[in-house]
Amino acid sequence: MGKVFLVGAGPGDPELLSLKASRLIKEADVILTDNLVFGVKKQIPEGKKIVDVGKTAERHKLSQDEINRLLVELAVSGKYEKVVRLKGGDPFIFGRGSEEALFLKEHGVDFEVVPGISSAVAVPADFGIPLTHRGVSSSVTVVTGHEQEKEEKEEGEEGKGEEGKGEGGGLDWEAVANLRGTLVILMGAGNLARNVGRLLKHGMPAETPVAVLERGFTPDARIVVGELGNIVKLARQARVKPPAVVVVGEVVKVREKLQKSKSQNLVGSQNLQEP
């Protein structure tokens, strides 16, 4: 019987792979890849057996249940000693890696988790946004942009996550809106208007700085900067598309002081070009 490795591919830059992840990619007998591994796919040796199981909110090559079963089938087939499940970011941060691990354990399949750098941390850093900064923010909260609000769960409204539902039992957006510190919303583009509306509804000031970080670590990376009160309009004008990480909080302003020398497309309230 083979062993399954749940490997975090990080934010898509192959140079940010861990040494262990890089080694396993080379040693794997078969690799199941996500959509969010970007440039890491170039590190897969030619001729390696690859199964693309990537999912988006609109399109699934395989459902999560089918992926779980496929991992078991490959491991018990006797054909593959090392089965690598290559996942964007970190397998255990909104990557459904824990669901896959539980399924493997229930079916007696040996597995190992190889952590990766989460896009929640890496993408803001690449755009020059620190998630904590002394005197500005001493805490970070990471949520998924696909999660429903508790009241919506109770009313039976369906979410819009990977499988048409959120990660858990409904997010307390009132509590989130009243947190001090930095808020990071992963998968934040699709429900941007809805989630911004929730934060405003529950009392977060409209002047709160916001940055929408689109397609981090790709040649098409862009940043849209604004405030909670106008970020939806700015993002629509810029035609922002997934994947995107949304950062909410005063740390967004620190970026101006840490502006990187290399050019990154900036779209903001001061220099937005009307479409």
C-alpha atoms as a PDB file:
ATOM      1  CA  MET A   1       0.000   0.000   0.000  1.00  0.00           C
ATOM      2  CA  GLY A   2       1.224   3.484  -0.850  1.00  0.00           C
ATOM      3  CA  LYS A   3       1.448   6.549   1.343  1.00  0.00           C
ATOM      4  CA  VAL A   4      -0.340   9.850   0.700  1.00  0.00           C
ATOM      5  CA  PHE A   5       1.458  13.147   1.251  1.00  0.00           C
ATOM      6  CA  LEU A   6      -0.758  16.227   1.668  1.00  0.00           C
ATOM      7  CA  VAL A   7       1.724  18.836   0.473  1.00  0.00           C
ATOM      8  CA  GLY A   8       1.352  22.605   0.741  1.00  0.00           C
ATOM      9  CA  ALA A   9       2.579  24.282  -2.445  1.00  0.00           C
ATOM     10  CA  GLY A  10       2.579  27.753  -0.927  1.00  0.00           C
ATOM     11  CA  PRO A  11       1.326  30.809  -2.853  1.00  0.00           C
ATOM     12  CA  GLY A  12       2.565  29.637  -6.251  1.00  0.00           C
ATOM     13  CA  ASP A  13       6.193  30.745  -6.352  1.00  0.00           C
ATOM     14  CA  PRO A  14       8.365  27.619  -6.698  1.00  0.00           C
ATOM     15  CA  GLU A  15      11.142  29.317  -4.711  1.00  0.00           C
ATOM     16  CA  LEU A  16       8.808  29.431  -1.701  1.00  0.00           C
ATOM     17  CA  LEU A  17       8.347  25.657  -1.648  1.00  0.00           C
ATOM     18  CA  SER A  18       9.780  23.930   1.393  1.00  0.00           C
ATOM     19  CA  LEU A  19      12.735  21.630   0.768  1.00  0.00           C
ATOM     20  CA  LYS A  20      10.565  18.679   1.741  1.00  0.00           C
ATOM     21  CA  ALA A  21       7.773  19.664  -0.639  1.00  0.00           C
ATOM     22  CA  SER A  22      10.257  20.077  -3.474  1.00  0.00           C
ATOM     23  CA  ARG A  23      11.774  16.664  -2.789  1.00  0.00           C
ATOM     24  CA  LEU A  24       8.393  14.926  -2.647  1.00  0.00           C
ATOM     25  CA  ILE A  25       7.325  16.478  -5.954  1.00  0.00           C
ATOM     26  CA  LYS A  26      10.387  14.894  -7.559  1.00  0.00           C
ATOM     27  CA  GLU A  27       9.947  11.534  -5.822  1.00  0.00           C
ATOM     28  CA  ALA A  28       6.166  11.173  -6.252  1.00  0.00           C
ATOM     29  CA  ASP A  29       4.753   8.383  -8.374  1.00  0.00           C
ATOM     30  CA  VAL A  30       1.545  10.346  -8.978  1.00  0.00           C
ATOM     31  CA  ILE A  31       0.573  13.945  -8.165  1.00  0.00           C
ATOM     32  CA  LEU A  32      -2.934  15.361  -7.706  1.00  0.00           C
ATOM     33  CA  THR A  33      -2.827  19.128  -8.283  1.00  0.00           C
ATOM     34  CA  ASP A  34      -5.034  22.092  -7.380  1.00  0.00           C
ATOM     35  CA  ASN A  35      -5.738  25.192  -9.466  1.00  0.00           C
ATOM     36  CA  LEU A  36      -3.770  27.413  -7.094  1.00  0.00           C
ATOM     37  CA  VAL A  37      -0.314  25.910  -7.522  1.00  0.00           C
ATOM     38  CA  PHE A  38       0.547  28.245 -10.430  1.00  0.00           C
ATOM     39  CA  GLY A  39       4.292  28.222 -11.182  1.00  0.00           C
ATOM     40  CA  VAL A  40       4.909  25.232  -8.929  1.00  0.00           C
ATOM     41  CA  LYS A  41       3.601  22.969 -11.701  1.00  0.00           C
ATOM     42  CA  LYS A  42       6.753  23.792 -13.646  1.00  0.00           C
ATOM     43  CA  GLN A  43       8.737  21.967 -10.965  1.00  0.00           C
ATOM     44  CA  ILE A  44       7.014  18.663 -11.702  1.00  0.00           C
ATOM     45  CA  PRO A  45       9.429  16.444 -13.675  1.00  0.00           C
ATOM     46  CA  GLU A  46       8.482  15.646 -17.258  1.00  0.00           C
ATOM     47  CA  GLY A  47       6.678  12.347 -17.617  1.00  0.00           C
ATOM     48  CA  LYS A  48       5.319  12.382 -14.067  1.00  0.00           C
ATOM     49  CA  LYS A  49       1.724  11.161 -13.776  1.00  0.00           C
ATOM     50  CA  ILE A  50      -0.449  14.196 -12.953  1.00  0.00           C
ATOM     51  CA  VAL A  51      -4.152  14.265 -12.082  1.00  0.00           C
ATOM     52  CA  ASP A  52      -5.720  17.751 -12.190  1.00  0.00           C
ATOM     53  CA  VAL A  53      -8.457  17.910  -9.545  1.00  0.00           C
ATOM     54  CA  GLY A  54      -8.630  21.701  -9.238  1.00  0.00           C
ATOM     55  CA  LYS A  55     -11.886  23.311  -8.140  1.00  0.00           C
ATOM     56  CA  THR A  56     -13.328  26.791  -8.380  1.00  0.00           C
ATOM     57  CA  ALA A  57     -16.639  28.126  -7.099  1.00  0.00           C
ATOM     58  CA  GLU A  58     -18.073  27.762 -10.612  1.00  0.00           C
ATOM     59  CA  ARG A  59     -16.450  24.564 -11.834  1.00  0.00           C
ATOM     60  CA  HIS A  60     -15.336  21.293 -10.274  1.00  0.00           C
ATOM     61  CA  LYS A  61     -13.318  18.714 -12.163  1.00  0.00           C
ATOM     62  CA  LEU A  62     -14.032  16.366  -9.263  1.00  0.00           C
ATOM     63  CA  SER A  63     -16.099  16.855  -6.127  1.00  0.00           C
ATOM     64  CA  GLN A  64     -14.339  16.736  -2.773  1.00  0.00           C
ATOM     65  CA  ASP A  65     -15.851  13.312  -2.078  1.00  0.00           C
ATOM     66  CA  GLU A  66     -14.496  12.056  -5.407  1.00  0.00           C
ATOM     67  CA  ILE A  67     -11.050  13.427  -4.584  1.00  0.00           C
ATOM     68  CA  ASN A  68     -11.118  11.695  -1.198  1.00  0.00           C
ATOM     69  CA  ARG A  69     -12.008   8.372  -2.804  1.00  0.00           C
ATOM     70  CA  LEU A  70      -9.403   8.807  -5.545  1.00  0.00           C
ATOM     71  CA  LEU A  71      -6.645   9.309  -2.977  1.00  0.00           C
ATOM     72  CA  VAL A  72      -7.588   6.034  -1.319  1.00  0.00           C
ATOM     73  CA  GLU A  73      -7.870   4.190  -4.647  1.00  0.00           C
ATOM     74  CA  LEU A  74      -4.422   5.325  -5.763  1.00  0.00           C
ATOM     75  CA  ALA A  75      -2.834   4.458  -2.421  1.00  0.00           C
ATOM     76  CA  VAL A  76      -4.292   0.936  -2.220  1.00  0.00           C
ATOM     77  CA  SER A  77      -3.838   0.097  -5.912  1.00  0.00           C
ATOM     78  CA  GLY A  78      -0.324  -1.205  -5.375  1.00  0.00           C
ATOM     79  CA  LYS A  79       0.901   0.876  -8.327  1.00  0.00           C
ATOM     80  CA  TYR A  80       2.038   3.978  -6.455  1.00  0.00           C
ATOM     81  CA  GLU A  81       4.346   4.085  -3.454  1.00  0.00           C
ATOM     82  CA  LYS A  82       4.167   7.869  -3.022  1.00  0.00           C
ATOM     83  CA  VAL A  83       0.928   9.710  -3.785  1.00  0.00           C
ATOM     84  CA  VAL A  84       1.314  13.495  -3.515  1.00  0.00           C
ATOM     85  CA  ARG A  85      -1.733  15.702  -3.082  1.00  0.00           C
ATOM     86  CA  LEU A  86      -0.353  19.130  -4.027  1.00  0.00           C
ATOM     87  CA  LYS A  87      -2.471  21.921  -2.573  1.00  0.00           C
ATOM     88  CA  GLY A  88      -2.162  25.692  -2.870  1.00  0.00           C
ATOM     89  CA  GLY A  89      -1.052  27.454   0.301  1.00  0.00           C
ATOM     90  CA  ASP A  90      -1.181  25.272   3.405  1.00  0.00           C
ATOM     91  CA  PRO A  91      -3.263  22.069   3.404  1.00  0.00           C
ATOM     92  CA  PHE A  92      -4.845  22.862   6.774  1.00  0.00           C
ATOM     93  CA  ILE A  93      -5.805  26.510   6.145  1.00  0.00           C
ATOM     94  CA  PHE A  94      -9.051  26.502   4.150  1.00  0.00           C
ATOM     95  CA  GLY A  95      -7.536  23.780   1.983  1.00  0.00           C
ATOM     96  CA  ARG A  96      -9.822  20.930   3.089  1.00  0.00           C
ATOM     97  CA  GLY A  97      -6.695  18.972   3.893  1.00  0.00           C
ATOM     98  CA  SER A  98      -8.077  17.876   7.244  1.00  0.00           C
ATOM     99  CA  GLU A  99     -11.108  16.344   5.502  1.00  0.00           C
ATOM    100  CA  GLU A 100      -8.817  14.375   3.220  1.00  0.00           C
ATOM    101  CA  ALA A 101      -6.654  13.313   6.164  1.00  0.00           C
ATOM    102  CA  LEU A 102      -9.678  12.055   8.115  1.00  0.00           C
ATOM    103  CA  PHE A 103     -10.937  10.121   5.093  1.00  0.00           C
ATOM    104  CA  LEU A 104      -7.528   8.510   4.622  1.00  0.00           C
ATOM    105  CA  LYS A 105      -7.353   7.567   8.297  1.00  0.00           C
ATOM    106  CA  GLU A 106     -10.857   6.080   8.218  1.00  0.00           C
ATOM    107  CA  HIS A 107      -9.772   3.870   5.309  1.00  0.00           C
ATOM    108  CA  GLY A 108      -6.498   2.780   6.848  1.00  0.00           C
ATOM    109  CA  VAL A 109      -4.253   4.717   4.479  1.00  0.00           C
ATOM    110  CA  ASP A 110      -0.971   6.088   5.827  1.00  0.00           C
ATOM    111  CA  PHE A 111      -0.539   9.826   5.252  1.00  0.00           C
ATOM    112  CA  GLU A 112       1.678  12.757   6.130  1.00  0.00           C
ATOM    113  CA  VAL A 113       0.983  16.494   6.118  1.00  0.00           C
ATOM    114  CA  VAL A 114       3.666  18.787   4.705  1.00  0.00           C
ATOM    115  CA  PRO A 115       2.890  22.417   5.632  1.00  0.00           C
ATOM    116  CA  GLY A 116       3.108  25.234   3.107  1.00  0.00           C
ATOM    117  CA  ILE A 117       3.178  29.021   3.294  1.00  0.00           C
ATOM    118  CA  SER A 118      -0.405  30.270   3.313  1.00  0.00           C
ATOM    119  CA  SER A 119      -1.404  32.941   0.818  1.00  0.00           C
ATOM    120  CA  ALA A 120      -2.994  34.717   3.793  1.00  0.00           C
ATOM    121  CA  VAL A 121       0.532  35.629   4.879  1.00  0.00           C
ATOM    122  CA  ALA A 122       2.610  35.445   1.702  1.00  0.00           C
ATOM    123  CA  VAL A 123       0.482  37.494  -0.691  1.00  0.00           C
ATOM    124  CA  PRO A 124       0.133  40.572   1.559  1.00  0.00           C
ATOM    125  CA  ALA A 125       3.873  40.423   2.290  1.00  0.00           C
ATOM    126  CA  ASP A 126       4.696  40.332  -1.417  1.00  0.00           C
ATOM    127  CA  PHE A 127       2.592  43.461  -1.931  1.00  0.00           C
ATOM    128  CA  GLY A 128       4.359  45.194   0.965  1.00  0.00           C
ATOM    129  CA  ILE A 129       1.553  44.860   3.520  1.00  0.00           C
ATOM    130  CA  PRO A 130       2.598  43.597   6.977  1.00  0.00           C
ATOM    131  CA  LEU A 131      -0.210  41.853   8.827  1.00  0.00           C
ATOM    132  CA  THR A 132       1.120  43.106  12.163  1.00  0.00           C
ATOM    133  CA  HIS A 133       2.997  46.310  12.903  1.00  0.00           C
ATOM    134  CA  ARG A 134       3.938  47.706  16.287  1.00  0.00           C
ATOM    135  CA  GLY A 135       1.553  50.447  17.304  1.00  0.00           C
ATOM    136  CA  VAL A 136      -0.816  49.622  14.438  1.00  0.00           C
ATOM    137  CA  SER A 137      -1.948  45.994  14.720  1.00  0.00           C
ATOM    138  CA  SER A 138      -0.988  43.232  17.142  1.00  0.00           C
ATOM    139  CA  SER A 139      -3.443  40.575  15.957  1.00  0.00           C
ATOM    140  CA  VAL A 140      -4.574  38.876  12.753  1.00  0.00           C
ATOM    141  CA  THR A 141      -7.868  37.158  11.957  1.00  0.00           C
ATOM    142  CA  VAL A 142      -8.146  34.981   8.842  1.00  0.00           C
ATOM    143  CA  VAL A 143     -11.577  34.063   7.467  1.00  0.00           C
ATOM    144  CA  THR A 144     -12.906  32.617   4.237  1.00  0.00           C
ATOM    145  CA  GLY A 145     -14.851  34.849   1.903  1.00  0.00           C
ATOM    146  CA  HIS A 146     -17.225  31.981   1.171  1.00  0.00           C
ATOM    147  CA  GLU A 147     -18.568  31.573   4.698  1.00  0.00           C
ATOM    148  CA  GLN A 148     -22.162  32.400   5.547  1.00  0.00           C
ATOM    149  CA  GLU A 149     -23.355  34.497   8.444  1.00  0.00           C
ATOM    150  CA  LYS A 150     -24.936  32.668  11.372  1.00  0.00           C
ATOM    151  CA  GLU A 151     -28.337  34.202  10.720  1.00  0.00           C
ATOM    152  CA  GLU A 152     -28.194  33.109   7.076  1.00  0.00           C
ATOM    153  CA  LYS A 153     -27.466  29.536   8.127  1.00  0.00           C
ATOM    154  CA  GLU A 154     -30.477  29.574  10.386  1.00  0.00           C
ATOM    155  CA  GLU A 155     -32.646  30.856   7.540  1.00  0.00           C
ATOM    156  CA  GLY A 156     -31.439  28.038   5.290  1.00  0.00           C
ATOM    157  CA  GLU A 157     -29.663  30.215   2.747  1.00  0.00           C
ATOM    158  CA  GLU A 158     -27.034  28.336   0.772  1.00  0.00           C
ATOM    159  CA  GLY A 159     -23.455  29.556   0.815  1.00  0.00           C
ATOM    160  CA  LYS A 160     -21.224  29.864  -2.179  1.00  0.00           C
ATOM    161  CA  GLY A 161     -18.115  27.946  -1.233  1.00  0.00           C
ATOM    162  CA  GLU A 162     -16.408  25.207  -3.215  1.00  0.00           C
ATOM    163  CA  GLU A 163     -19.289  22.801  -2.700  1.00  0.00           C
ATOM    164  CA  GLY A 164     -22.069  25.379  -2.414  1.00  0.00           C
ATOM    165  CA  LYS A 165     -21.541  25.825   1.303  1.00  0.00           C
ATOM    166  CA  GLY A 166     -19.113  27.420   3.710  1.00  0.00           C
ATOM    167  CA  GLU A 167     -16.461  25.784   5.845  1.00  0.00           C
ATOM    168  CA  GLY A 168     -18.409  25.571   9.068  1.00  0.00           C
ATOM    169  CA  GLY A 169     -21.527  26.495  10.991  1.00  0.00           C
ATOM    170  CA  GLY A 170     -21.713  30.115   9.932  1.00  0.00           C
ATOM    171  CA  LEU A 171     -19.373  33.002  10.696  1.00  0.00           C
ATOM    172  CA  ASP A 172     -20.189  35.612  13.344  1.00  0.00           C
ATOM    173  CA  TRP A 173     -19.586  38.670  11.187  1.00  0.00           C
ATOM    174  CA  GLU A 174     -20.646  40.976  14.008  1.00  0.00           C
ATOM    175  CA  ALA A 175     -17.766  39.663  16.108  1.00  0.00           C
ATOM    176  CA  VAL A 176     -15.416  39.917  13.130  1.00  0.00           C
ATOM    177  CA  ALA A 177     -16.436  43.522  12.454  1.00  0.00           C
ATOM    178  CA  ASN A 178     -15.644  44.496  16.028  1.00  0.00           C
ATOM    179  CA  LEU A 179     -12.250  42.825  16.228  1.00  0.00           C
ATOM    180  CA  ARG A 180      -9.230  45.047  16.582  1.00  0.00           C
ATOM    181  CA  GLY A 181      -6.277  44.280  14.400  1.00  0.00           C
ATOM    182  CA  THR A 182      -5.974  42.999  10.846  1.00  0.00           C
ATOM    183  CA  LEU A 183      -8.636  41.030   8.989  1.00  0.00           C
ATOM    184  CA  VAL A 184      -7.595  38.799   6.089  1.00  0.00           C
ATOM    185  CA  ILE A 185     -10.297  37.352   3.843  1.00  0.00           C
ATOM    186  CA  LEU A 186      -9.145  34.453   1.679  1.00  0.00           C
ATOM    187  CA  MET A 187     -11.048  33.744  -1.547  1.00  0.00           C
ATOM    188  CA  GLY A 188     -12.277  37.285  -1.121  1.00  0.00           C
ATOM    189  CA  ALA A 189     -13.171  38.427  -4.644  1.00  0.00           C
ATOM    190  CA  GLY A 190     -16.405  36.590  -5.398  1.00  0.00           C
ATOM    191  CA  ASN A 191     -18.334  37.759  -2.341  1.00  0.00           C
ATOM    192  CA  LEU A 192     -16.554  41.079  -1.831  1.00  0.00           C
ATOM    193  CA  ALA A 193     -19.692  43.234  -1.920  1.00  0.00           C
ATOM    194  CA  ARG A 194     -21.574  40.934   0.407  1.00  0.00           C
ATOM    195  CA  ASN A 195     -18.766  40.675   2.948  1.00  0.00           C
ATOM    196  CA  VAL A 196     -18.023  44.402   2.907  1.00  0.00           C
ATOM    197  CA  GLY A 197     -21.725  44.988   3.471  1.00  0.00           C
ATOM    198  CA  ARG A 198     -21.658  42.688   6.488  1.00  0.00           C
ATOM    199  CA  LEU A 199     -18.717  44.532   8.016  1.00  0.00           C
ATOM    200  CA  LEU A 200     -20.378  47.917   7.492  1.00  0.00           C
ATOM    201  CA  LYS A 201     -23.687  46.607   8.810  1.00  0.00           C
ATOM    202  CA  HIS A 202     -22.047  45.519  12.042  1.00  0.00           C
ATOM    203  CA  GLY A 203     -20.269  48.786  12.678  1.00  0.00           C
ATOM    204  CA  MET A 204     -16.844  48.685  11.050  1.00  0.00           C
ATOM    205  CA  PRO A 205     -16.044  52.292  10.016  1.00  0.00           C
ATOM    206  CA  ALA A 206     -16.379  53.087   6.316  1.00  0.00           C
ATOM    207  CA  GLU A 207     -12.954  54.795   6.482  1.00  0.00           C
ATOM    208  CA  THR A 208     -11.183  51.516   7.337  1.00  0.00           C
ATOM    209  CA  PRO A 209      -8.340  50.933   4.826  1.00  0.00           C
ATOM    210  CA  VAL A 210      -8.775  47.936   2.504  1.00  0.00           C
ATOM    211  CA  ALA A 211      -6.569  46.288  -0.107  1.00  0.00           C
ATOM    212  CA  VAL A 212      -7.711  43.679  -2.623  1.00  0.00           C
ATOM    213  CA  LEU A 213      -4.736  41.619  -3.785  1.00  0.00           C
ATOM    214  CA  GLU A 214      -5.488  39.918  -7.079  1.00  0.00           C
ATOM    215  CA  ARG A 215      -3.591  36.918  -8.467  1.00  0.00           C
ATOM    216  CA  GLY A 216      -0.608  37.194  -6.149  1.00  0.00           C
ATOM    217  CA  PHE A 217       2.715  35.721  -7.323  1.00  0.00           C
ATOM    218  CA  THR A 218       1.652  35.732 -10.977  1.00  0.00           C
ATOM    219  CA  PRO A 219       2.610  38.108 -13.825  1.00  0.00           C
ATOM    220  CA  ASP A 220      -0.945  39.493 -13.634  1.00  0.00           C
ATOM    221  CA  ALA A 221      -0.754  40.469  -9.946  1.00  0.00           C
ATOM    222  CA  ARG A 222      -2.600  43.690  -9.088  1.00  0.00           C
ATOM    223  CA  ILE A 223      -3.561  45.577  -5.953  1.00  0.00           C
ATOM    224  CA  VAL A 224      -6.684  47.685  -5.508  1.00  0.00           C
ATOM    225  CA  VAL A 225      -6.450  50.071  -2.548  1.00  0.00           C
ATOM    226  CA  GLY A 226      -9.319  51.960  -0.989  1.00  0.00           C
ATOM    227  CA  GLU A 227     -11.554  52.137   2.053  1.00  0.00           C
ATOM    228  CA  LEU A 228     -14.378  49.936   3.227  1.00  0.00           C
ATOM    229  CA  GLY A 229     -16.853  52.504   1.922  1.00  0.00           C
ATOM    230  CA  ASN A 230     -15.538  52.549  -1.659  1.00  0.00           C
ATOM    231  CA  ILE A 231     -13.567  49.338  -2.201  1.00  0.00           C
ATOM    232  CA  VAL A 232     -16.454  47.510  -3.877  1.00  0.00           C
ATOM    233  CA  LYS A 233     -16.795  50.266  -6.478  1.00  0.00           C
ATOM    234  CA  LEU A 234     -13.044  50.378  -7.049  1.00  0.00           C
ATOM    235  CA  ALA A 235     -12.781  46.603  -7.416  1.00  0.00           C
ATOM    236  CA  ARG A 236     -15.663  46.541  -9.897  1.00  0.00           C
ATOM    237  CA  GLN A 237     -14.119  49.328 -11.955  1.00  0.00           C
ATOM    238  CA  ALA A 238     -10.839  47.436 -11.976  1.00  0.00           C
ATOM    239  CA  ARG A 239     -12.664  44.220 -12.952  1.00  0.00           C
ATOM    240  CA  VAL A 240     -11.017  42.231 -10.185  1.00  0.00           C
ATOM    241  CA  LYS A 241     -11.320  38.468 -10.590  1.00  0.00           C
ATOM    242  CA  PRO A 242     -10.455  35.489  -8.364  1.00  0.00           C
ATOM    243  CA  PRO A 243      -8.227  34.479  -6.801  1.00  0.00           C
ATOM    244  CA  ALA A 244      -7.816  37.429  -4.472  1.00  0.00           C
ATOM    245  CA  VAL A 245      -6.835  38.062  -0.874  1.00  0.00           C
ATOM    246  CA  VAL A 246      -8.531  40.965   0.919  1.00  0.00           C
ATOM    247  CA  VAL A 247      -6.732  42.780   3.740  1.00  0.00           C
ATOM    248  CA  VAL A 248      -8.763  45.052   6.021  1.00  0.00           C
ATOM    249  CA  GLY A 249      -7.136  47.308   8.593  1.00  0.00           C
ATOM    250  CA  GLU A 250      -4.698  50.118   9.266  1.00  0.00           C
ATOM    251  CA  VAL A 251      -1.724  47.973   8.190  1.00  0.00           C
ATOM    252  CA  VAL A 252      -2.723  48.705   4.593  1.00  0.00           C
ATOM    253  CA  LYS A 253      -1.379  52.237   5.095  1.00  0.00           C
ATOM    254  CA  VAL A 254       2.037  50.886   6.094  1.00  0.00           C
ATOM    255  CA  ARG A 255       2.448  49.733   2.491  1.00  0.00           C
ATOM    256  CA  GLU A 256       3.054  53.319   1.394  1.00  0.00           C
ATOM    257  CA  LYS A 257       6.208  53.390   3.531  1.00  0.00           C
ATOM    258  CA  LEU A 258       7.306  49.916   2.447  1.00  0.00           C
ATOM    259  CA  GLN A 259       6.594  50.385  -1.257  1.00  0.00           C
ATOM    260  CA  LYS A 260       8.762  47.940  -3.144  1.00  0.00           C
ATOM    261  CA  SER A 261      11.087  49.143  -5.871  1.00  0.00           C
ATOM    262  CA  LYS A 262       9.800  46.574  -8.337  1.00  0.00           C
ATOM    263  CA  SER A 263       6.673  47.676 -10.165  1.00  0.00           C
ATOM    264  CA  GLN A 264       3.322  46.173  -9.231  1.00  0.00           C
ATOM    265  CA  ASN A 265       0.071  47.285 -10.802  1.00  0.00           C
ATOM    266  CA  LEU A 266      -1.639  49.637  -8.353  1.00  0.00           C
ATOM    267  CA  VAL A 267      -5.272  50.623  -8.613  1.00  0.00           C
ATOM    268  CA  GLY A 268      -6.533  52.999  -5.947  1.00  0.00           C
ATOM    269  CA  SER A 269      -8.819  55.886  -5.225  1.00  0.00           C
ATOM    270  CA  GLN A 270      -6.073  58.354  -6.178  1.00  0.00           C
ATOM    271  CA  ASN A 271      -5.049  56.896  -9.527  1.00  0.00           C
ATOM    272  CA  LEU A 272      -7.822  54.654 -10.776  1.00  0.00           C
ATOM    273  CA  GLN A 273      -8.262  54.828 -14.516  1.00  0.00           C
ATOM    274  CA  GLU A 274     -11.926  54.788 -15.424  1.00  0.00           C
ATOM    275  CA  PRO A 275     -12.787  51.889 -17.783  1.00  0.00           C
END
